[in-house]
N, C-alpha and C. Protein backbone atom coordinates (compact mmCIF):
# COMPACT_ATOMS: atom_id res chain seq x y z
N UNK A 1 0.98 -1.04 0.02
CA UNK A 1 0.04 0.08 -0.08
C UNK A 1 0.86 1.14 0.05
N UNK A 2 0.70 1.98 -1.07
CA UNK A 2 1.57 3.29 -1.09
C UNK A 2 0.89 4.52 -0.74
N UNK A 3 1.60 5.34 0.10
CA UNK A 3 1.07 6.54 0.65
C UNK A 3 1.77 7.74 0.05
N UNK A 4 1.08 8.81 -0.09
CA UNK A 4 1.76 10.04 -0.52
C UNK A 4 1.61 11.03 0.69
N UNK A 5 2.97 11.52 1.06
CA UNK A 5 3.18 12.45 2.19
C UNK A 5 2.95 13.77 1.64
N UNK A 6 1.83 14.53 2.16
CA UNK A 6 1.52 15.90 1.53
C UNK A 6 2.13 16.92 2.56
N UNK A 7 2.57 16.63 3.68
CA UNK A 7 2.96 17.46 4.72
C UNK A 7 4.00 18.53 4.01
N UNK A 8 4.89 18.27 3.39
CA UNK A 8 6.04 19.29 2.91
C UNK A 8 5.34 20.15 1.92
N UNK A 9 4.16 19.86 1.12
CA UNK A 9 3.71 20.67 0.16
C UNK A 9 2.74 21.59 0.92
N UNK A 10 2.10 21.24 1.91
CA UNK A 10 1.23 22.06 2.95
C UNK A 10 2.33 23.18 3.48
N UNK A 11 3.48 22.79 4.00
CA UNK A 11 4.48 23.67 4.38
C UNK A 11 4.94 24.79 3.43
N UNK A 12 5.07 24.34 2.19
CA UNK A 12 5.51 25.32 1.15
C UNK A 12 4.43 26.14 0.89
N UNK A 13 3.13 25.64 0.78
CA UNK A 13 2.01 26.52 0.55
C UNK A 13 1.83 27.62 1.69
N UNK A 14 1.98 27.36 2.88
CA UNK A 14 1.94 28.22 4.01
C UNK A 14 2.95 29.31 3.95
N UNK A 15 4.21 28.99 3.59
CA UNK A 15 5.27 29.95 3.40
C UNK A 15 5.00 30.93 2.24
N UNK A 16 4.37 30.39 1.21
CA UNK A 16 4.17 31.13 -0.07
C UNK A 16 2.89 32.24 0.35
N UNK A 17 2.04 31.66 1.16
CA UNK A 17 0.94 32.54 1.69
C UNK A 17 1.48 33.57 2.44
N UNK A 18 2.31 33.49 3.52
CA UNK A 18 2.97 34.41 4.24
C UNK A 18 3.68 35.49 3.53
N UNK A 19 4.48 34.96 2.47
CA UNK A 19 5.17 35.69 1.56
C UNK A 19 4.30 36.85 0.83
N UNK A 20 3.14 36.20 0.17
CA UNK A 20 2.34 37.16 -0.57
C UNK A 20 1.68 38.05 0.42
N UNK A 21 1.25 37.65 1.58
CA UNK A 21 0.67 38.42 2.38
C UNK A 21 1.40 39.68 2.86
N UNK A 22 2.74 39.56 3.14
CA UNK A 22 3.80 40.53 3.41
C UNK A 22 3.86 41.39 2.24
N UNK A 23 4.28 40.83 0.96
CA UNK A 23 4.46 41.78 -0.09
C UNK A 23 3.38 42.49 -0.74
N UNK A 24 2.30 41.98 -0.64
CA UNK A 24 1.01 42.76 -1.37
C UNK A 24 0.84 43.95 -0.91
N UNK A 25 0.66 44.38 0.28
CA UNK A 25 0.65 45.77 0.69
C UNK A 25 1.86 46.73 0.20
N UNK A 26 2.95 46.13 0.10
CA UNK A 26 4.13 46.79 -0.35
C UNK A 26 4.12 47.23 -1.86
N UNK A 27 3.37 46.74 -2.71
CA UNK A 27 3.35 47.01 -3.94
C UNK A 27 2.62 48.13 -4.28
N UNK A 28 3.12 49.30 -4.72
CA UNK A 28 2.60 50.54 -4.87
C UNK A 28 2.25 50.79 -6.42
N UNK A 29 1.00 50.92 -6.72
CA UNK A 29 0.76 51.05 -8.12
C UNK A 29 0.30 52.53 -8.17
N UNK A 30 0.73 53.04 -9.19
CA UNK A 30 0.47 54.57 -9.42
C UNK A 30 1.56 55.13 -10.25
N UNK A 31 1.52 56.53 -10.16
CA UNK A 31 2.44 57.35 -10.88
C UNK A 31 3.45 57.87 -9.99
N UNK A 32 4.64 57.94 -10.15
CA UNK A 32 5.60 58.68 -9.15
C UNK A 32 5.60 60.01 -9.40
N UNK A 33 5.01 60.77 -8.57
CA UNK A 33 4.81 62.24 -8.54
C UNK A 33 5.30 62.80 -7.17
N UNK A 34 6.07 63.75 -7.25
CA UNK A 34 6.51 64.51 -6.04
C UNK A 34 5.76 65.84 -6.05
N UNK A 35 4.82 65.87 -5.06
CA UNK A 35 3.85 66.92 -4.95
C UNK A 35 4.50 68.18 -4.30
N UNK A 36 4.11 69.39 -4.67
CA UNK A 36 4.55 70.41 -4.06
C UNK A 36 3.93 70.53 -2.59
N UNK A 37 4.66 71.13 -1.54
CA UNK A 37 4.17 71.19 -0.31
C UNK A 37 3.42 72.57 0.03
N UNK A 38 2.32 72.53 0.55
CA UNK A 38 1.65 73.82 0.91
C UNK A 38 0.78 73.51 1.98
N UNK A 39 0.65 74.61 3.02
CA UNK A 39 -0.29 74.38 4.13
C UNK A 39 -1.70 74.16 3.69
N UNK A 40 -2.38 73.12 3.94
CA UNK A 40 -3.85 72.96 3.59
C UNK A 40 -4.31 71.97 4.34
N UNK A 41 -5.69 72.13 4.35
CA UNK A 41 -6.67 71.01 5.18
C UNK A 41 -7.09 69.95 4.14
N UNK A 42 -7.13 68.62 4.72
CA UNK A 42 -7.72 67.60 3.85
C UNK A 42 -9.30 67.83 3.44
N UNK A 43 -9.63 67.43 2.39
CA UNK A 43 -10.88 67.60 1.78
C UNK A 43 -11.99 66.73 2.68
N UNK A 44 -13.15 67.34 2.78
CA UNK A 44 -14.09 66.24 3.46
C UNK A 44 -14.41 65.19 2.67
N UNK A 45 -14.71 64.05 3.32
CA UNK A 45 -15.27 62.93 2.52
C UNK A 45 -16.48 63.24 1.73
N UNK A 46 -16.38 62.69 0.43
CA UNK A 46 -17.37 62.93 -0.48
C UNK A 46 -17.98 61.48 -0.98
N UNK A 47 -19.18 61.56 -1.25
CA UNK A 47 -19.87 60.31 -1.83
C UNK A 47 -19.35 59.79 -3.26
N UNK A 48 -18.96 60.83 -4.00
CA UNK A 48 -18.50 60.42 -5.39
C UNK A 48 -16.98 60.42 -5.35
N UNK A 49 -16.49 59.53 -6.25
CA UNK A 49 -15.06 59.37 -6.50
C UNK A 49 -14.64 60.45 -7.25
N UNK A 50 -13.54 61.20 -7.01
CA UNK A 50 -13.06 62.28 -7.65
C UNK A 50 -12.41 61.92 -8.87
N UNK A 51 -12.28 62.79 -9.97
CA UNK A 51 -11.69 62.67 -11.20
C UNK A 51 -10.37 63.31 -11.05
N UNK A 52 -9.29 62.73 -11.14
CA UNK A 52 -7.82 63.12 -10.91
C UNK A 52 -7.07 63.01 -12.23
N UNK A 53 -6.51 64.33 -12.58
CA UNK A 53 -5.52 64.03 -13.74
C UNK A 53 -4.28 64.26 -13.06
N UNK A 54 -3.38 63.15 -13.39
CA UNK A 54 -2.04 63.08 -12.91
C UNK A 54 -1.07 63.52 -13.96
N UNK A 55 -0.16 64.27 -13.49
CA UNK A 55 1.11 64.72 -14.65
C UNK A 55 2.46 64.39 -13.95
N UNK A 56 3.08 63.38 -14.55
CA UNK A 56 4.46 63.04 -13.80
C UNK A 56 5.57 64.01 -14.24
N UNK A 57 6.66 63.71 -13.73
CA UNK A 57 7.83 64.61 -14.07
C UNK A 57 8.16 64.67 -15.45
N UNK A 58 7.66 63.84 -16.24
CA UNK A 58 8.12 63.84 -17.80
C UNK A 58 7.06 64.44 -18.57
N UNK A 59 5.94 64.93 -17.85
CA UNK A 59 4.88 65.45 -18.56
C UNK A 59 3.99 64.55 -19.25
N UNK A 60 3.77 63.41 -18.85
CA UNK A 60 3.03 62.44 -19.16
C UNK A 60 1.62 62.51 -18.40
N UNK A 61 0.55 62.31 -18.87
CA UNK A 61 -0.88 62.47 -18.33
C UNK A 61 -1.37 61.06 -18.05
N UNK A 62 -2.12 60.90 -16.97
CA UNK A 62 -2.78 59.79 -16.39
C UNK A 62 -4.04 60.21 -15.79
N UNK A 63 -5.16 59.60 -16.15
CA UNK A 63 -6.41 59.92 -15.61
C UNK A 63 -6.89 58.87 -14.81
N UNK A 64 -7.08 59.21 -13.47
CA UNK A 64 -7.64 58.34 -12.34
C UNK A 64 -9.07 58.62 -12.25
N UNK A 65 -9.81 57.30 -12.46
CA UNK A 65 -11.25 57.37 -12.27
C UNK A 65 -11.64 56.17 -11.39
N UNK A 66 -12.68 55.83 -10.91
CA UNK A 66 -13.24 54.77 -10.04
C UNK A 66 -12.53 53.52 -10.56
N UNK A 67 -12.36 53.23 -11.82
CA UNK A 67 -11.90 51.99 -12.27
C UNK A 67 -10.41 51.89 -12.37
N UNK A 68 -9.66 52.98 -12.00
CA UNK A 68 -8.20 52.80 -11.90
C UNK A 68 -7.52 54.08 -12.68
N UNK A 69 -6.21 53.88 -12.76
CA UNK A 69 -5.42 54.71 -13.38
C UNK A 69 -4.95 54.43 -14.83
N UNK A 70 -5.25 55.25 -15.77
CA UNK A 70 -4.92 54.79 -17.32
C UNK A 70 -4.26 56.01 -17.81
N UNK A 71 -3.29 55.64 -18.76
CA UNK A 71 -2.63 56.79 -19.41
C UNK A 71 -3.41 57.44 -20.29
N UNK A 72 -3.45 58.84 -20.59
CA UNK A 72 -3.89 59.67 -21.47
C UNK A 72 -3.32 59.72 -22.86
N UNK A 73 -3.66 59.03 -23.83
CA UNK A 73 -3.02 59.03 -25.23
C UNK A 73 -3.64 60.15 -26.27
N UNK A 74 -5.08 60.26 -25.96
CA UNK A 74 -5.64 61.27 -26.85
C UNK A 74 -6.56 62.34 -26.11
N UNK A 75 -6.06 63.47 -26.10
CA UNK A 75 -6.80 64.60 -25.17
C UNK A 75 -8.18 64.66 -25.54
N UNK A 76 -8.67 64.30 -26.73
CA UNK A 76 -10.12 64.37 -27.19
C UNK A 76 -11.03 63.20 -26.34
N UNK A 77 -10.29 62.07 -26.24
CA UNK A 77 -10.99 61.06 -25.54
C UNK A 77 -11.03 61.40 -24.03
N UNK A 78 -9.92 61.95 -23.48
CA UNK A 78 -9.99 62.66 -21.96
C UNK A 78 -11.13 63.52 -21.88
N UNK A 79 -11.42 64.36 -22.80
CA UNK A 79 -12.30 65.51 -22.64
C UNK A 79 -13.79 64.73 -22.81
N UNK A 80 -14.05 63.81 -23.69
CA UNK A 80 -15.13 63.09 -23.87
C UNK A 80 -15.48 62.21 -22.52
N UNK A 81 -14.50 61.61 -21.96
CA UNK A 81 -14.85 60.57 -20.81
C UNK A 81 -15.05 61.66 -19.58
N UNK A 82 -14.39 62.55 -19.32
CA UNK A 82 -14.64 63.49 -18.23
C UNK A 82 -15.93 64.18 -18.26
N UNK A 83 -16.28 64.51 -19.56
CA UNK A 83 -17.62 65.27 -19.78
C UNK A 83 -18.77 64.29 -19.59
N UNK A 84 -18.54 63.15 -19.95
CA UNK A 84 -19.58 62.10 -19.69
C UNK A 84 -19.94 61.80 -18.18
N UNK A 85 -18.56 61.74 -17.49
CA UNK A 85 -18.91 61.69 -16.00
C UNK A 85 -19.50 62.87 -15.29
N UNK A 86 -19.06 64.10 -15.75
CA UNK A 86 -19.72 65.31 -15.13
C UNK A 86 -21.19 65.56 -15.64
N UNK A 87 -21.52 64.89 -16.64
CA UNK A 87 -23.11 65.12 -17.04
C UNK A 87 -23.82 64.41 -16.07
N UNK A 88 -23.38 63.23 -15.88
CA UNK A 88 -24.12 62.27 -15.02
C UNK A 88 -23.88 62.63 -13.46
N UNK A 89 -22.83 62.98 -13.00
CA UNK A 89 -22.56 63.41 -11.61
C UNK A 89 -21.97 64.70 -11.70
N UNK A 90 -22.75 65.93 -11.73
CA UNK A 90 -22.05 67.36 -11.92
C UNK A 90 -21.30 67.72 -10.67
N UNK A 91 -21.52 66.99 -9.47
CA UNK A 91 -20.76 67.48 -8.14
C UNK A 91 -19.52 66.56 -8.07
N UNK A 92 -19.14 65.97 -9.00
CA UNK A 92 -17.89 65.30 -8.97
C UNK A 92 -16.78 66.14 -8.70
N UNK A 93 -15.97 65.89 -7.82
CA UNK A 93 -14.67 66.87 -7.70
C UNK A 93 -13.77 66.68 -8.72
N UNK A 94 -12.93 67.59 -9.12
CA UNK A 94 -11.88 67.18 -10.32
C UNK A 94 -10.75 67.95 -9.64
N UNK A 95 -9.68 67.13 -9.83
CA UNK A 95 -8.29 67.48 -9.22
C UNK A 95 -7.15 67.31 -10.35
N UNK A 96 -6.10 68.00 -10.18
CA UNK A 96 -4.81 67.81 -10.89
C UNK A 96 -3.75 67.57 -9.87
N UNK A 97 -3.20 66.29 -10.00
CA UNK A 97 -1.82 66.09 -9.31
C UNK A 97 -0.65 66.13 -10.19
N UNK A 98 0.13 67.08 -9.96
CA UNK A 98 1.31 67.39 -10.92
C UNK A 98 2.47 67.25 -9.97
N UNK A 99 3.62 66.81 -10.59
CA UNK A 99 4.78 66.73 -9.89
C UNK A 99 5.36 68.16 -9.89
N UNK A 100 6.05 68.61 -8.76
CA UNK A 100 6.64 69.89 -8.59
C UNK A 100 7.48 70.47 -9.64
N UNK A 101 8.19 69.39 -10.25
CA UNK A 101 9.19 69.66 -11.15
C UNK A 101 8.73 69.58 -12.73
N UNK A 102 7.51 69.43 -12.87
CA UNK A 102 6.99 69.37 -14.28
C UNK A 102 6.86 70.80 -14.77
N UNK A 103 6.73 70.89 -16.23
CA UNK A 103 6.69 72.04 -16.87
C UNK A 103 5.28 72.69 -16.55
N UNK A 104 5.24 73.94 -16.27
CA UNK A 104 4.07 74.66 -15.88
C UNK A 104 3.11 74.68 -16.98
N UNK A 105 3.38 74.65 -18.14
CA UNK A 105 2.54 74.55 -19.51
C UNK A 105 1.96 73.22 -19.50
N UNK A 106 2.50 72.15 -18.98
CA UNK A 106 1.87 70.77 -19.05
C UNK A 106 0.68 70.70 -18.10
N UNK A 107 0.89 71.52 -16.93
CA UNK A 107 -0.24 71.43 -15.98
C UNK A 107 -1.34 72.57 -16.48
N UNK A 108 -1.07 73.41 -17.10
CA UNK A 108 -2.22 74.29 -17.69
C UNK A 108 -2.82 73.65 -18.64
N UNK A 109 -2.05 72.84 -19.65
CA UNK A 109 -2.80 72.23 -20.74
C UNK A 109 -3.64 71.18 -20.18
N UNK A 110 -3.38 70.55 -19.20
CA UNK A 110 -4.34 69.48 -18.58
C UNK A 110 -5.47 70.21 -18.08
N UNK A 111 -5.34 71.37 -17.39
CA UNK A 111 -6.40 72.06 -16.85
C UNK A 111 -7.35 72.57 -17.95
N UNK A 112 -6.92 72.91 -19.01
CA UNK A 112 -7.59 73.35 -20.07
C UNK A 112 -8.59 72.26 -20.57
N UNK A 113 -7.95 71.20 -20.77
CA UNK A 113 -8.71 69.92 -21.30
C UNK A 113 -9.94 69.52 -20.29
N UNK A 114 -9.66 69.73 -19.00
CA UNK A 114 -10.59 69.46 -17.98
C UNK A 114 -11.71 70.50 -17.99
N UNK A 115 -11.30 71.63 -18.34
CA UNK A 115 -12.22 72.89 -18.48
C UNK A 115 -13.29 72.57 -19.66
N UNK A 116 -12.58 72.20 -20.78
CA UNK A 116 -13.29 71.71 -22.10
C UNK A 116 -14.29 70.71 -21.74
N UNK A 117 -14.06 69.96 -20.86
CA UNK A 117 -14.88 68.81 -20.32
C UNK A 117 -15.98 69.21 -19.47
N UNK A 118 -16.08 70.46 -19.17
CA UNK A 118 -17.06 71.06 -18.32
C UNK A 118 -16.89 71.18 -16.78
N UNK A 119 -15.55 70.94 -16.44
CA UNK A 119 -15.25 71.18 -15.01
C UNK A 119 -15.16 72.73 -14.74
N UNK A 120 -16.09 73.16 -13.90
CA UNK A 120 -16.01 74.58 -13.50
C UNK A 120 -15.02 74.81 -12.34
N UNK A 121 -14.72 73.89 -11.55
CA UNK A 121 -13.85 74.08 -10.40
C UNK A 121 -12.94 73.04 -10.46
N UNK A 122 -11.55 73.22 -10.50
CA UNK A 122 -10.48 72.28 -10.67
C UNK A 122 -9.46 72.57 -9.33
N UNK A 123 -9.35 71.44 -8.58
CA UNK A 123 -8.44 71.62 -7.47
C UNK A 123 -7.05 71.15 -7.78
N UNK A 124 -6.12 71.68 -7.11
CA UNK A 124 -4.52 71.41 -7.32
C UNK A 124 -4.21 70.56 -6.00
N UNK A 125 -3.71 69.24 -6.27
CA UNK A 125 -3.35 68.47 -5.04
C UNK A 125 -2.14 68.87 -4.60
N UNK A 126 -1.83 68.94 -3.27
CA UNK A 126 -0.52 69.33 -2.56
C UNK A 126 -0.25 68.27 -1.47
N UNK A 127 0.97 68.51 -0.89
CA UNK A 127 1.22 67.74 0.29
C UNK A 127 1.48 68.66 1.39
N UNK A 128 1.17 68.09 2.69
CA UNK A 128 1.50 69.10 3.82
C UNK A 128 2.96 69.24 3.91
N UNK A 129 3.47 70.39 4.26
CA UNK A 129 4.85 70.48 4.44
C UNK A 129 5.34 69.80 5.75
N UNK A 130 6.53 69.33 5.80
CA UNK A 130 6.94 68.36 6.79
C UNK A 130 7.50 69.66 7.75
N UNK A 131 7.15 69.26 9.01
CA UNK A 131 7.46 70.25 10.07
C UNK A 131 8.82 70.01 10.65
């Protein structure tokens, strides 16, 4: 009568489970942006997910919606998508998160696209200064 000893397999699976449980929170998805620092208060919690346009150091645009972060390849598509969201939920907050070393023109260009989409108020994201 042959038996298969599965105890070593269980040990390996437990070790893998622990490794994945430790490393999963450390994985940071997003765009590397060094925000400018300014004294400000956090925004109150809002029921709707904000629309955020990210601009990284190289001047690349990313649109963050409830579905996640996606690169902007066509400004017209960005305007169309944001306009559709603002038509359905006009109280949706709109923000720009730009790296502090990015060209000012790239930030203004992104804000112009958001205004073309119908955003009347656009917030600029900052970090609190370290004391």
